[in-house]
Amino acid sequence: MGPDRPTVRPGDDRPSGRAGDGGLERLMGRVARGDHAAFEEVYDQVAGQVYGLVLRVLRNPAQSEEVAQDVLVEVWRSAARYDPSKGSARAWVMTVAHRRAVDRVRSAQAAATREERVARLDVRRPFDEVADSVERTLDVERLRRCLNGLTELQRESVTFAYYEGYTYREVAELLKVPLATVKTRMRDGLIRMRDCLGVER
């Protein structure tokens, strides 16, 4: 069992004055052997800097506090991996912190990309049915008439999304309306287009 999960907050950047970097390296050796008191001293030495570095990467205080806590837990668990011949203990801890912060950014970006991909698929499936119907009949005038039968917001949303390739979010920004409104208008517009063009469900 390791020490209790630490809580890192902006105020934790106070200097303890208990050890310099050389002392920090000796403390890390004790932490590697499971010394809880040594870990508390390491915590006092680096917690503020860890939080500050993570905050500069994430720019979100709540997420930064969470990631900083994870970093300090990793320091406790992985202290034996620290090799003094490769650099100072402080540099090693900051490398762990930077890696964790970057991982969180990448994870958030990946999640956003997945959501956008799902959104694109969700709106393109019904439109594919409409497009196939139009291609079969080659009735361009009929398509124009059906588009004109939509409300202005529905028509603009459908046109931006399906003829100009914009995402839901981009359409919302272009039209200066909430994202939820665009999704609703897009869905309603597709239903009206399908009914107008006679596409079977």
N, C-alpha and C. Protein backbone atom coordinates (compact mmCIF):
# COMPACT_ATOMS: atom_id res chain seq x y z
N MET A 1 0.84 -1.19 0.00
CA MET A 1 0.00 0.00 0.00
C MET A 1 0.88 1.25 0.00
N GLY A 2 0.54 2.21 -0.85
CA GLY A 2 1.28 3.45 -0.88
C GLY A 2 0.64 4.46 0.04
N PRO A 3 1.11 5.70 0.03
CA PRO A 3 0.54 6.75 0.87
C PRO A 3 -0.83 7.11 0.34
N ASP A 4 -1.61 7.85 1.15
CA ASP A 4 -2.91 8.31 0.68
C ASP A 4 -2.72 9.13 -0.58
N ARG A 5 -3.73 9.06 -1.47
CA ARG A 5 -3.64 9.81 -2.72
C ARG A 5 -3.53 11.29 -2.42
N PRO A 6 -2.48 11.97 -2.89
CA PRO A 6 -2.27 13.37 -2.54
C PRO A 6 -3.26 14.27 -3.25
N THR A 7 -3.51 15.42 -2.66
CA THR A 7 -4.35 16.44 -3.30
C THR A 7 -3.46 17.61 -3.64
N VAL A 8 -3.43 17.98 -4.91
CA VAL A 8 -2.55 19.04 -5.36
C VAL A 8 -3.39 20.25 -5.74
N ARG A 9 -3.05 21.38 -5.18
CA ARG A 9 -3.76 22.61 -5.50
C ARG A 9 -2.75 23.72 -5.72
N PRO A 10 -3.18 24.85 -6.31
CA PRO A 10 -2.22 25.92 -6.61
C PRO A 10 -1.39 26.35 -5.41
N GLY A 11 -1.97 26.36 -4.22
CA GLY A 11 -1.23 26.80 -3.05
C GLY A 11 -0.10 25.89 -2.66
N ASP A 12 -0.03 24.69 -3.25
CA ASP A 12 1.00 23.73 -2.87
C ASP A 12 2.37 24.05 -3.47
N ASP A 13 2.48 25.22 -4.14
CA ASP A 13 3.78 25.54 -4.72
C ASP A 13 4.69 26.25 -3.70
N ARG A 14 4.31 26.24 -2.44
CA ARG A 14 5.14 26.86 -1.41
C ARG A 14 6.45 26.07 -1.25
N PRO A 15 7.57 26.73 -1.11
CA PRO A 15 8.83 26.00 -0.90
C PRO A 15 8.89 25.47 0.52
N SER A 16 9.39 24.28 0.67
CA SER A 16 9.50 23.70 2.01
C SER A 16 10.82 24.05 2.67
N GLY A 17 11.85 24.24 1.86
CA GLY A 17 13.17 24.57 2.39
C GLY A 17 13.84 23.42 3.10
N ARG A 18 13.30 22.22 2.93
CA ARG A 18 13.86 21.10 3.69
C ARG A 18 15.01 20.40 2.96
N ALA A 19 15.07 20.54 1.64
CA ALA A 19 16.14 19.84 0.92
C ALA A 19 16.33 20.49 -0.43
N GLY A 20 17.60 20.55 -0.87
CA GLY A 20 17.87 20.99 -2.23
C GLY A 20 17.70 19.83 -3.18
N ASP A 21 18.12 20.03 -4.45
CA ASP A 21 17.95 18.95 -5.42
C ASP A 21 18.76 17.72 -5.03
N GLY A 22 19.96 17.91 -4.46
CA GLY A 22 20.74 16.75 -4.02
C GLY A 22 19.99 15.97 -2.97
N GLY A 23 19.38 16.71 -2.03
CA GLY A 23 18.57 16.05 -1.02
C GLY A 23 17.37 15.36 -1.63
N LEU A 24 16.82 15.93 -2.69
CA LEU A 24 15.67 15.34 -3.36
C LEU A 24 16.05 13.99 -3.96
N GLU A 25 17.25 13.92 -4.51
CA GLU A 25 17.69 12.64 -5.07
C GLU A 25 17.84 11.56 -3.99
N ARG A 26 18.35 11.97 -2.84
CA ARG A 26 18.46 11.00 -1.74
C ARG A 26 17.06 10.57 -1.26
N LEU A 27 16.15 11.52 -1.23
CA LEU A 27 14.77 11.21 -0.84
C LEU A 27 14.14 10.21 -1.81
N MET A 28 14.42 10.38 -3.08
CA MET A 28 13.85 9.48 -4.08
C MET A 28 14.32 8.05 -3.84
N GLY A 29 15.57 7.90 -3.42
CA GLY A 29 16.07 6.57 -3.11
C GLY A 29 15.29 5.95 -1.96
N ARG A 30 14.96 6.77 -0.98
CA ARG A 30 14.16 6.26 0.14
C ARG A 30 12.73 5.96 -0.28
N VAL A 31 12.18 6.80 -1.14
CA VAL A 31 10.82 6.55 -1.65
C VAL A 31 10.78 5.22 -2.39
N ALA A 32 11.84 4.95 -3.16
CA ALA A 32 11.91 3.70 -3.92
C ALA A 32 11.85 2.49 -2.98
N ARG A 33 12.27 2.69 -1.73
CA ARG A 33 12.25 1.59 -0.75
C ARG A 33 10.96 1.60 0.08
N GLY A 34 10.01 2.47 -0.31
CA GLY A 34 8.71 2.49 0.36
C GLY A 34 8.63 3.36 1.58
N ASP A 35 9.50 4.36 1.69
CA ASP A 35 9.54 5.25 2.85
C ASP A 35 8.47 6.34 2.69
N HIS A 36 7.39 6.26 3.47
CA HIS A 36 6.29 7.22 3.36
C HIS A 36 6.72 8.64 3.75
N ALA A 37 7.52 8.75 4.80
CA ALA A 37 7.97 10.07 5.24
C ALA A 37 8.80 10.75 4.15
N ALA A 38 9.63 9.98 3.48
CA ALA A 38 10.43 10.54 2.39
C ALA A 38 9.52 11.01 1.26
N PHE A 39 8.46 10.25 0.99
CA PHE A 39 7.54 10.67 -0.07
C PHE A 39 6.86 11.98 0.29
N GLU A 40 6.49 12.15 1.54
CA GLU A 40 5.86 13.41 1.96
C GLU A 40 6.80 14.58 1.71
N GLU A 41 8.09 14.37 1.94
CA GLU A 41 9.06 15.43 1.68
C GLU A 41 9.20 15.69 0.18
N VAL A 42 9.22 14.62 -0.61
CA VAL A 42 9.27 14.80 -2.06
C VAL A 42 8.04 15.56 -2.53
N TYR A 43 6.89 15.20 -1.99
CA TYR A 43 5.64 15.88 -2.33
C TYR A 43 5.76 17.38 -2.08
N ASP A 44 6.25 17.74 -0.87
CA ASP A 44 6.40 19.15 -0.54
C ASP A 44 7.36 19.86 -1.48
N GLN A 45 8.37 19.14 -1.96
CA GLN A 45 9.37 19.73 -2.84
C GLN A 45 8.84 19.99 -4.25
N VAL A 46 7.99 19.08 -4.77
CA VAL A 46 7.68 19.14 -6.21
C VAL A 46 6.22 19.36 -6.56
N ALA A 47 5.30 19.23 -5.60
CA ALA A 47 3.87 19.27 -5.93
C ALA A 47 3.47 20.55 -6.67
N GLY A 48 3.94 21.70 -6.17
CA GLY A 48 3.58 22.97 -6.80
C GLY A 48 4.08 23.08 -8.22
N GLN A 49 5.33 22.66 -8.43
CA GLN A 49 5.90 22.72 -9.78
C GLN A 49 5.18 21.76 -10.73
N VAL A 50 4.82 20.59 -10.21
CA VAL A 50 4.08 19.63 -11.04
C VAL A 50 2.76 20.24 -11.49
N TYR A 51 2.02 20.80 -10.54
CA TYR A 51 0.73 21.42 -10.86
C TYR A 51 0.91 22.55 -11.87
N GLY A 52 1.92 23.40 -11.64
CA GLY A 52 2.15 24.53 -12.54
C GLY A 52 2.45 24.09 -13.96
N LEU A 53 3.29 23.06 -14.10
CA LEU A 53 3.64 22.58 -15.44
C LEU A 53 2.40 21.99 -16.13
N VAL A 54 1.64 21.17 -15.39
CA VAL A 54 0.46 20.55 -15.97
C VAL A 54 -0.56 21.61 -16.37
N LEU A 55 -0.73 22.63 -15.53
CA LEU A 55 -1.69 23.70 -15.82
C LEU A 55 -1.30 24.46 -17.09
N ARG A 56 -0.01 24.66 -17.30
CA ARG A 56 0.43 25.34 -18.52
C ARG A 56 0.07 24.55 -19.77
N VAL A 57 0.05 23.23 -19.66
CA VAL A 57 -0.30 22.39 -20.81
C VAL A 57 -1.81 22.29 -20.99
N LEU A 58 -2.53 22.03 -19.89
CA LEU A 58 -3.97 21.78 -19.99
C LEU A 58 -4.82 23.04 -19.94
N ARG A 59 -4.36 24.06 -19.21
CA ARG A 59 -5.10 25.31 -19.05
C ARG A 59 -6.50 25.09 -18.47
N ASN A 60 -6.61 24.08 -17.62
CA ASN A 60 -7.87 23.78 -16.95
C ASN A 60 -7.53 23.39 -15.52
N PRO A 61 -7.86 24.24 -14.54
CA PRO A 61 -7.44 23.97 -13.15
C PRO A 61 -7.92 22.63 -12.61
N ALA A 62 -9.18 22.28 -12.85
CA ALA A 62 -9.71 21.02 -12.30
C ALA A 62 -8.99 19.82 -12.90
N GLN A 63 -8.83 19.80 -14.22
CA GLN A 63 -8.12 18.70 -14.86
C GLN A 63 -6.66 18.68 -14.44
N SER A 64 -6.08 19.85 -14.27
CA SER A 64 -4.67 19.93 -13.89
C SER A 64 -4.45 19.35 -12.51
N GLU A 65 -5.37 19.64 -11.58
CA GLU A 65 -5.26 19.08 -10.23
C GLU A 65 -5.33 17.55 -10.28
N GLU A 66 -6.25 17.04 -11.10
CA GLU A 66 -6.40 15.58 -11.21
C GLU A 66 -5.15 14.93 -11.79
N VAL A 67 -4.63 15.53 -12.86
CA VAL A 67 -3.44 14.96 -13.50
C VAL A 67 -2.23 15.07 -12.57
N ALA A 68 -2.10 16.19 -11.86
CA ALA A 68 -0.98 16.35 -10.94
C ALA A 68 -1.03 15.29 -9.84
N GLN A 69 -2.22 14.97 -9.36
CA GLN A 69 -2.35 13.90 -8.36
C GLN A 69 -1.87 12.58 -8.95
N ASP A 70 -2.28 12.31 -10.20
CA ASP A 70 -1.85 11.07 -10.86
C ASP A 70 -0.33 11.02 -10.99
N VAL A 71 0.27 12.16 -11.29
CA VAL A 71 1.73 12.22 -11.43
C VAL A 71 2.41 11.85 -10.12
N LEU A 72 1.93 12.41 -9.02
CA LEU A 72 2.56 12.15 -7.72
C LEU A 72 2.36 10.70 -7.28
N VAL A 73 1.22 10.13 -7.63
CA VAL A 73 1.03 8.71 -7.35
C VAL A 73 2.02 7.88 -8.16
N GLU A 74 2.23 8.29 -9.43
CA GLU A 74 3.19 7.57 -10.26
C GLU A 74 4.61 7.71 -9.71
N VAL A 75 4.94 8.88 -9.17
CA VAL A 75 6.25 9.07 -8.56
C VAL A 75 6.43 8.10 -7.41
N TRP A 76 5.42 7.95 -6.58
CA TRP A 76 5.50 7.00 -5.47
C TRP A 76 5.69 5.57 -5.97
N ARG A 77 4.92 5.20 -6.97
CA ARG A 77 4.96 3.82 -7.45
C ARG A 77 6.19 3.51 -8.29
N SER A 78 6.72 4.53 -8.97
CA SER A 78 7.79 4.28 -9.94
C SER A 78 9.14 4.86 -9.52
N ALA A 79 9.27 5.24 -8.26
CA ALA A 79 10.51 5.89 -7.82
C ALA A 79 11.74 5.02 -8.09
N ALA A 80 11.56 3.72 -8.07
CA ALA A 80 12.70 2.83 -8.30
C ALA A 80 13.24 2.95 -9.73
N ARG A 81 12.43 3.49 -10.63
CA ARG A 81 12.88 3.64 -12.02
C ARG A 81 13.77 4.86 -12.21
N TYR A 82 13.78 5.75 -11.23
CA TYR A 82 14.60 6.95 -11.35
C TYR A 82 16.07 6.58 -11.32
N ASP A 83 16.81 7.06 -12.32
CA ASP A 83 18.25 6.77 -12.44
C ASP A 83 19.02 8.09 -12.29
N PRO A 84 19.68 8.31 -11.15
CA PRO A 84 20.41 9.57 -10.93
C PRO A 84 21.44 9.88 -12.01
N SER A 85 21.96 8.84 -12.66
CA SER A 85 22.99 9.08 -13.68
C SER A 85 22.43 9.76 -14.92
N LYS A 86 21.10 9.77 -15.06
CA LYS A 86 20.48 10.35 -16.25
C LYS A 86 19.92 11.75 -16.03
N GLY A 87 20.07 12.27 -14.82
CA GLY A 87 19.58 13.62 -14.57
C GLY A 87 19.06 13.76 -13.15
N SER A 88 18.64 14.96 -12.81
CA SER A 88 18.18 15.24 -11.45
C SER A 88 16.81 14.62 -11.20
N ALA A 89 16.51 14.42 -9.92
CA ALA A 89 15.21 13.86 -9.55
C ALA A 89 14.09 14.82 -9.96
N ARG A 90 14.33 16.11 -9.81
CA ARG A 90 13.31 17.09 -10.18
C ARG A 90 13.01 17.02 -11.68
N ALA A 91 14.04 16.90 -12.49
CA ALA A 91 13.83 16.80 -13.93
C ALA A 91 13.05 15.54 -14.28
N TRP A 92 13.34 14.46 -13.59
CA TRP A 92 12.62 13.20 -13.84
C TRP A 92 11.14 13.36 -13.52
N VAL A 93 10.84 13.97 -12.37
CA VAL A 93 9.45 14.18 -11.98
C VAL A 93 8.74 15.08 -13.00
N MET A 94 9.41 16.15 -13.44
CA MET A 94 8.79 17.06 -14.41
C MET A 94 8.55 16.37 -15.76
N THR A 95 9.45 15.44 -16.11
CA THR A 95 9.24 14.67 -17.35
C THR A 95 8.00 13.80 -17.24
N VAL A 96 7.84 13.17 -16.07
CA VAL A 96 6.63 12.36 -15.83
C VAL A 96 5.40 13.25 -15.93
N ALA A 97 5.46 14.44 -15.33
CA ALA A 97 4.32 15.36 -15.33
C ALA A 97 3.98 15.81 -16.74
N HIS A 98 5.00 16.16 -17.52
CA HIS A 98 4.76 16.63 -18.88
C HIS A 98 4.15 15.52 -19.73
N ARG A 99 4.66 14.31 -19.57
CA ARG A 99 4.12 13.18 -20.34
C ARG A 99 2.65 12.94 -20.01
N ARG A 100 2.33 12.99 -18.71
CA ARG A 100 0.94 12.78 -18.29
C ARG A 100 0.02 13.88 -18.85
N ALA A 101 0.49 15.11 -18.81
CA ALA A 101 -0.33 16.23 -19.32
C ALA A 101 -0.56 16.09 -20.81
N VAL A 102 0.48 15.76 -21.56
CA VAL A 102 0.33 15.59 -23.01
C VAL A 102 -0.60 14.42 -23.32
N ASP A 103 -0.47 13.34 -22.54
CA ASP A 103 -1.38 12.20 -22.74
C ASP A 103 -2.83 12.62 -22.55
N ARG A 104 -3.09 13.48 -21.55
CA ARG A 104 -4.47 13.93 -21.32
C ARG A 104 -4.97 14.77 -22.49
N VAL A 105 -4.11 15.62 -23.03
CA VAL A 105 -4.50 16.43 -24.19
C VAL A 105 -4.82 15.53 -25.38
N ARG A 106 -3.94 14.55 -25.62
CA ARG A 106 -4.17 13.65 -26.76
C ARG A 106 -5.45 12.85 -26.58
N SER A 107 -5.71 12.41 -25.35
CA SER A 107 -6.92 11.66 -25.07
C SER A 107 -8.16 12.50 -25.34
N ALA A 108 -8.12 13.77 -24.92
CA ALA A 108 -9.26 14.66 -25.16
C ALA A 108 -9.45 14.91 -26.64
N GLN A 109 -8.35 15.09 -27.36
CA GLN A 109 -8.45 15.32 -28.80
C GLN A 109 -9.00 14.11 -29.52
N ALA A 110 -8.56 12.91 -29.09
CA ALA A 110 -9.05 11.68 -29.71
C ALA A 110 -10.55 11.52 -29.47
N ALA A 111 -11.00 11.85 -28.25
CA ALA A 111 -12.42 11.75 -27.93
C ALA A 111 -13.23 12.71 -28.79
N ALA A 112 -12.72 13.93 -28.97
CA ALA A 112 -13.42 14.92 -29.79
C ALA A 112 -13.50 14.46 -31.25
N THR A 113 -12.40 13.87 -31.73
CA THR A 113 -12.38 13.38 -33.11
C THR A 113 -13.39 12.25 -33.30
N ARG A 114 -13.48 11.35 -32.30
CA ARG A 114 -14.46 10.26 -32.39
C ARG A 114 -15.88 10.80 -32.42
N GLU A 115 -16.16 11.79 -31.57
CA GLU A 115 -17.50 12.37 -31.54
C GLU A 115 -17.85 13.02 -32.87
N GLU A 116 -16.88 13.72 -33.46
CA GLU A 116 -17.14 14.38 -34.73
C GLU A 116 -17.35 13.35 -35.84
N ARG A 117 -16.57 12.25 -35.79
CA ARG A 117 -16.73 11.21 -36.80
C ARG A 117 -18.11 10.56 -36.70
N VAL A 118 -18.54 10.30 -35.48
CA VAL A 118 -19.87 9.73 -35.28
C VAL A 118 -20.94 10.68 -35.78
N ALA A 119 -20.77 11.98 -35.48
CA ALA A 119 -21.74 12.97 -35.93
C ALA A 119 -21.82 13.00 -37.46
N ARG A 120 -20.65 12.92 -38.11
CA ARG A 120 -20.65 12.92 -39.58
C ARG A 120 -21.38 11.69 -40.12
N LEU A 121 -21.12 10.53 -39.53
CA LEU A 121 -21.78 9.31 -39.98
C LEU A 121 -23.29 9.39 -39.75
N ASP A 122 -23.68 9.95 -38.60
CA ASP A 122 -25.09 10.03 -38.27
C ASP A 122 -25.86 10.87 -39.27
N VAL A 123 -25.23 11.96 -39.76
CA VAL A 123 -25.98 12.80 -40.69
C VAL A 123 -25.84 12.33 -42.12
N ARG A 124 -24.79 11.56 -42.43
CA ARG A 124 -24.59 11.16 -43.81
C ARG A 124 -25.41 9.94 -44.19
N ARG A 125 -25.69 9.06 -43.24
CA ARG A 125 -26.45 7.86 -43.59
C ARG A 125 -27.79 8.19 -44.21
N PRO A 126 -28.64 9.02 -43.54
CA PRO A 126 -29.92 9.33 -44.17
C PRO A 126 -29.76 10.09 -45.47
N PHE A 127 -28.73 10.95 -45.55
CA PHE A 127 -28.55 11.71 -46.78
C PHE A 127 -28.16 10.80 -47.93
N ASP A 128 -27.40 9.75 -47.66
CA ASP A 128 -27.03 8.83 -48.73
C ASP A 128 -28.27 8.27 -49.40
N GLU A 129 -29.33 8.00 -48.62
CA GLU A 129 -30.56 7.50 -49.21
C GLU A 129 -31.16 8.54 -50.14
N VAL A 130 -31.15 9.80 -49.71
CA VAL A 130 -31.68 10.88 -50.55
C VAL A 130 -30.85 11.02 -51.82
N ALA A 131 -29.50 10.99 -51.65
CA ALA A 131 -28.61 11.16 -52.81
C ALA A 131 -28.82 10.05 -53.82
N ASP A 132 -28.95 8.82 -53.35
CA ASP A 132 -29.17 7.70 -54.27
C ASP A 132 -30.47 7.87 -55.05
N SER A 133 -31.50 8.36 -54.38
CA SER A 133 -32.77 8.56 -55.05
C SER A 133 -32.65 9.63 -56.13
N VAL A 134 -31.94 10.70 -55.80
CA VAL A 134 -31.77 11.78 -56.78
C VAL A 134 -30.99 11.30 -57.98
N GLU A 135 -29.92 10.52 -57.74
CA GLU A 135 -29.11 10.03 -58.85
C GLU A 135 -29.90 9.08 -59.75
N ARG A 136 -30.78 8.31 -59.14
CA ARG A 136 -31.58 7.37 -59.94
C ARG A 136 -32.55 8.11 -60.85
N THR A 137 -33.16 9.15 -60.34
CA THR A 137 -34.20 9.86 -61.11
C THR A 137 -33.63 11.01 -61.94
N LEU A 138 -32.42 11.47 -61.58
CA LEU A 138 -31.79 12.61 -62.25
C LEU A 138 -32.74 13.81 -62.28
N ASP A 139 -33.54 13.92 -61.22
CA ASP A 139 -34.54 14.98 -61.16
C ASP A 139 -34.01 16.14 -60.33
N VAL A 140 -33.09 16.92 -60.91
CA VAL A 140 -32.47 18.01 -60.19
C VAL A 140 -33.49 19.07 -59.80
N GLU A 141 -34.42 19.32 -60.69
CA GLU A 141 -35.43 20.34 -60.41
C GLU A 141 -36.30 19.92 -59.22
N ARG A 142 -36.58 18.65 -59.15
CA ARG A 142 -37.38 18.14 -58.03
C ARG A 142 -36.63 18.31 -56.71
N LEU A 143 -35.34 18.05 -56.74
CA LEU A 143 -34.52 18.23 -55.55
C LEU A 143 -34.53 19.69 -55.12
N ARG A 144 -34.40 20.60 -56.09
CA ARG A 144 -34.42 22.02 -55.76
C ARG A 144 -35.75 22.42 -55.14
N ARG A 145 -36.82 21.88 -55.69
CA ARG A 145 -38.15 22.19 -55.18
C ARG A 145 -38.30 21.68 -53.74
N CYS A 146 -37.76 20.49 -53.48
CA CYS A 146 -37.84 19.94 -52.13
C CYS A 146 -37.01 20.76 -51.15
N LEU A 147 -35.84 21.20 -51.58
CA LEU A 147 -35.03 22.06 -50.73
C LEU A 147 -35.76 23.36 -50.42
N ASN A 148 -36.42 23.92 -51.41
CA ASN A 148 -37.15 25.16 -51.21
C ASN A 148 -38.34 24.98 -50.29
N GLY A 149 -38.77 23.74 -50.09
CA GLY A 149 -39.88 23.46 -49.20
C GLY A 149 -39.46 23.42 -47.73
N LEU A 150 -38.16 23.49 -47.48
CA LEU A 150 -37.67 23.49 -46.10
C LEU A 150 -37.71 24.91 -45.53
N THR A 151 -37.64 25.01 -44.21
CA THR A 151 -37.49 26.33 -43.61
C THR A 151 -36.10 26.85 -43.97
N GLU A 152 -35.90 28.14 -43.79
CA GLU A 152 -34.61 28.73 -44.15
C GLU A 152 -33.46 28.08 -43.38
N LEU A 153 -33.65 27.86 -42.07
CA LEU A 153 -32.59 27.26 -41.26
C LEU A 153 -32.34 25.81 -41.66
N GLN A 154 -33.42 25.07 -41.96
CA GLN A 154 -33.24 23.68 -42.40
C GLN A 154 -32.48 23.65 -43.73
N ARG A 155 -32.89 24.51 -44.66
CA ARG A 155 -32.26 24.52 -45.98
C ARG A 155 -30.78 24.89 -45.88
N GLU A 156 -30.47 25.92 -45.08
CA GLU A 156 -29.07 26.33 -44.93
C GLU A 156 -28.26 25.22 -44.27
N SER A 157 -28.84 24.59 -43.24
CA SER A 157 -28.12 23.53 -42.54
C SER A 157 -27.82 22.36 -43.46
N VAL A 158 -28.84 21.92 -44.20
CA VAL A 158 -28.66 20.79 -45.12
C VAL A 158 -27.65 21.14 -46.21
N THR A 159 -27.75 22.35 -46.74
CA THR A 159 -26.84 22.77 -47.82
C THR A 159 -25.39 22.81 -47.33
N PHE A 160 -25.18 23.43 -46.17
CA PHE A 160 -23.82 23.51 -45.62
C PHE A 160 -23.25 22.11 -45.34
N ALA A 161 -24.08 21.24 -44.74
CA ALA A 161 -23.59 19.93 -44.32
C ALA A 161 -23.35 18.99 -45.48
N TYR A 162 -24.31 18.95 -46.44
CA TYR A 162 -24.25 17.91 -47.46
C TYR A 162 -23.69 18.35 -48.80
N TYR A 163 -23.73 19.64 -49.07
CA TYR A 163 -23.19 20.10 -50.35
C TYR A 163 -21.85 20.80 -50.19
N GLU A 164 -21.55 21.27 -48.96
CA GLU A 164 -20.29 21.97 -48.75
C GLU A 164 -19.40 21.26 -47.73
N GLY A 165 -19.89 20.15 -47.14
CA GLY A 165 -19.05 19.30 -46.31
C GLY A 165 -18.75 19.79 -44.92
N TYR A 166 -19.54 20.73 -44.40
CA TYR A 166 -19.30 21.22 -43.04
C TYR A 166 -19.82 20.22 -42.00
N THR A 167 -19.19 20.23 -40.81
CA THR A 167 -19.67 19.40 -39.70
C THR A 167 -20.83 20.13 -39.02
N TYR A 168 -21.55 19.38 -38.15
CA TYR A 168 -22.61 20.00 -37.35
C TYR A 168 -22.09 21.25 -36.65
N ARG A 169 -20.96 21.09 -35.97
CA ARG A 169 -20.42 22.19 -35.18
C ARG A 169 -20.08 23.39 -36.06
N GLU A 170 -19.51 23.13 -37.23
CA GLU A 170 -19.16 24.24 -38.14
C GLU A 170 -20.42 24.93 -38.66
N VAL A 171 -21.45 24.14 -38.94
CA VAL A 171 -22.72 24.73 -39.40
C VAL A 171 -23.29 25.62 -38.32
N ALA A 172 -23.25 25.15 -37.07
CA ALA A 172 -23.77 25.96 -35.95
C ALA A 172 -23.01 27.28 -35.84
N GLU A 173 -21.70 27.23 -36.03
CA GLU A 173 -20.90 28.46 -35.95
C GLU A 173 -21.21 29.39 -37.11
N LEU A 174 -21.38 28.84 -38.31
CA LEU A 174 -21.68 29.66 -39.47
C LEU A 174 -23.03 30.35 -39.35
N LEU A 175 -24.02 29.61 -38.83
CA LEU A 175 -25.37 30.15 -38.72
C LEU A 175 -25.61 30.86 -37.40
N LYS A 176 -24.61 30.78 -36.49
CA LYS A 176 -24.71 31.44 -35.19
C LYS A 176 -25.95 30.98 -34.41
N VAL A 177 -26.13 29.66 -34.38
CA VAL A 177 -27.22 29.07 -33.61
C VAL A 177 -26.63 27.93 -32.78
N PRO A 178 -27.34 27.51 -31.71
CA PRO A 178 -26.82 26.41 -30.88
C PRO A 178 -26.66 25.12 -31.67
N LEU A 179 -25.68 24.31 -31.27
CA LEU A 179 -25.42 23.04 -31.93
C LEU A 179 -26.65 22.14 -31.89
N ALA A 180 -27.35 22.11 -30.75
CA ALA A 180 -28.54 21.26 -30.63
C ALA A 180 -29.62 21.67 -31.63
N THR A 181 -29.72 22.99 -31.88
CA THR A 181 -30.71 23.48 -32.84
C THR A 181 -30.38 23.00 -34.25
N VAL A 182 -29.09 23.05 -34.60
CA VAL A 182 -28.69 22.58 -35.93
C VAL A 182 -29.02 21.10 -36.09
N LYS A 183 -28.71 20.30 -35.07
CA LYS A 183 -28.98 18.86 -35.16
C LYS A 183 -30.47 18.60 -35.35
N THR A 184 -31.30 19.32 -34.59
CA THR A 184 -32.75 19.12 -34.70
C THR A 184 -33.25 19.54 -36.07
N ARG A 185 -32.82 20.72 -36.54
CA ARG A 185 -33.28 21.22 -37.84
C ARG A 185 -32.79 20.32 -38.98
N MET A 186 -31.57 19.79 -38.83
CA MET A 186 -31.02 18.90 -39.84
C MET A 186 -31.86 17.62 -39.92
N ARG A 187 -32.17 17.06 -38.76
CA ARG A 187 -32.97 15.83 -38.74
C ARG A 187 -34.34 16.06 -39.35
N ASP A 188 -35.01 17.16 -38.94
CA ASP A 188 -36.34 17.45 -39.47
C ASP A 188 -36.28 17.73 -40.96
N GLY A 189 -35.23 18.43 -41.38
CA GLY A 189 -35.09 18.73 -42.80
C GLY A 189 -34.89 17.48 -43.63
N LEU A 190 -34.10 16.53 -43.11
CA LEU A 190 -33.87 15.28 -43.83
C LEU A 190 -35.15 14.47 -43.97
N ILE A 191 -35.96 14.49 -42.90
CA ILE A 191 -37.23 13.77 -42.98
C ILE A 191 -38.12 14.37 -44.05
N ARG A 192 -38.17 15.70 -44.09
CA ARG A 192 -39.01 16.37 -45.11
C ARG A 192 -38.46 16.12 -46.52
N MET A 193 -37.14 16.13 -46.65
CA MET A 193 -36.54 15.85 -47.95
C MET A 193 -36.85 14.42 -48.39
N ARG A 194 -36.73 13.48 -47.46
CA ARG A 194 -37.02 12.08 -47.78
C ARG A 194 -38.46 11.91 -48.23
N ASP A 195 -39.38 12.54 -47.49
CA ASP A 195 -40.79 12.42 -47.85
C ASP A 195 -41.08 13.08 -49.19
N CYS A 196 -40.45 14.23 -49.43
CA CYS A 196 -40.67 14.97 -50.68
C CYS A 196 -40.17 14.18 -51.90
N LEU A 197 -39.01 13.52 -51.69
CA LEU A 197 -38.40 12.79 -52.79
C LEU A 197 -38.94 11.37 -52.91
N GLY A 198 -39.77 10.96 -51.95
CA GLY A 198 -40.36 9.62 -52.02
C GLY A 198 -39.39 8.51 -51.69
N VAL A 199 -38.38 8.80 -50.82
CA VAL A 199 -37.42 7.75 -50.44
C VAL A 199 -38.06 6.89 -49.39
N GLU A 200 -38.02 5.57 -49.62
CA GLU A 200 -38.62 4.65 -48.65
C GLU A 200 -37.79 4.57 -47.40
N ARG A 201 -38.47 4.39 -46.26
CA ARG A 201 -37.76 4.26 -44.99
C ARG A 201 -37.07 2.91 -44.92
